[in-house]
Amino acid sequence: MSLITAGLQILHVDEGITLPWRFSPRMVEVPDGFAWSEAERSLVPCTYTIIARKP
């Protein structure tokens, strides 16, 4: 909401499921880095990517 209030137009939002480092001891190693366990992976994203522009 802060980006919209600042006058930006949201073009894309993505939730990433991996990190290149172990953020928590609960994370497991996967081919692309580290992720939450299978049970938590769909509940807690590791990263957010937001693409926005000023119209």
Protein backbone atom coordinates (compact mmCIF):
# COMPACT_ATOMS: atom_id res chain seq x y z
CA MET A 1 0.00 0.00 0.00
CA SER A 2 2.92 2.35 0.69
CA LEU A 3 4.05 2.15 -2.93
CA ILE A 4 0.58 2.99 -4.22
CA THR A 5 0.28 5.86 -1.73
CA ALA A 6 3.62 7.15 -3.03
CA GLY A 7 2.08 7.33 -6.50
CA LEU A 8 3.62 4.19 -7.97
CA GLN A 9 1.80 1.78 -10.25
CA ILE A 10 2.37 -1.89 -9.31
CA LEU A 11 3.26 -3.90 -12.42
CA HIS A 12 4.27 -7.24 -10.91
CA VAL A 13 4.53 -8.97 -7.51
CA ASP A 14 6.28 -12.30 -6.99
CA GLU A 15 6.90 -14.43 -3.90
CA GLY A 16 10.15 -16.40 -4.02
CA ILE A 17 10.55 -19.75 -2.31
CA THR A 18 14.35 -19.96 -2.08
CA LEU A 19 17.31 -18.01 -0.68
CA PRO A 20 21.01 -18.45 -1.45
CA TRP A 21 21.75 -18.70 2.31
CA ARG A 22 20.18 -20.44 5.33
CA PHE A 23 18.10 -17.75 7.08
CA SER A 24 16.86 -20.14 9.78
CA PRO A 25 17.98 -23.54 11.10
CA ARG A 26 14.52 -24.80 10.08
CA MET A 27 15.35 -24.26 6.40
CA VAL A 28 16.34 -27.22 4.23
CA GLU A 29 18.80 -27.33 1.36
CA VAL A 30 17.24 -27.52 -2.12
CA PRO A 31 18.86 -27.37 -5.59
CA ASP A 32 18.51 -23.55 -5.83
CA GLY A 33 19.66 -22.78 -2.27
CA PHE A 34 17.61 -23.02 0.91
CA ALA A 35 13.84 -23.12 1.47
CA TRP A 36 11.33 -23.78 4.21
CA SER A 37 10.26 -27.40 4.68
CA GLU A 38 7.64 -28.77 2.27
CA ALA A 39 4.93 -28.27 4.91
CA GLU A 40 5.75 -24.54 5.30
CA ARG A 41 6.88 -23.66 1.78
CA SER A 42 3.46 -22.57 0.50
CA LEU A 43 2.73 -20.61 3.71
CA VAL A 44 5.86 -18.45 4.13
CA PRO A 45 7.65 -16.84 1.18
CA CYS A 46 11.41 -16.26 1.45
CA THR A 47 11.47 -13.15 -0.73
CA TYR A 48 9.20 -10.63 -2.40
CA THR A 49 9.95 -9.01 -5.74
CA ILE A 50 7.92 -5.95 -6.66
CA ILE A 51 8.16 -4.12 -9.97
CA ALA A 52 6.57 -0.67 -9.92
CA ARG A 53 6.79 2.51 -11.91
CA LYS A 54 5.81 6.13 -11.57
CA PRO A 55 3.08 6.84 -14.15
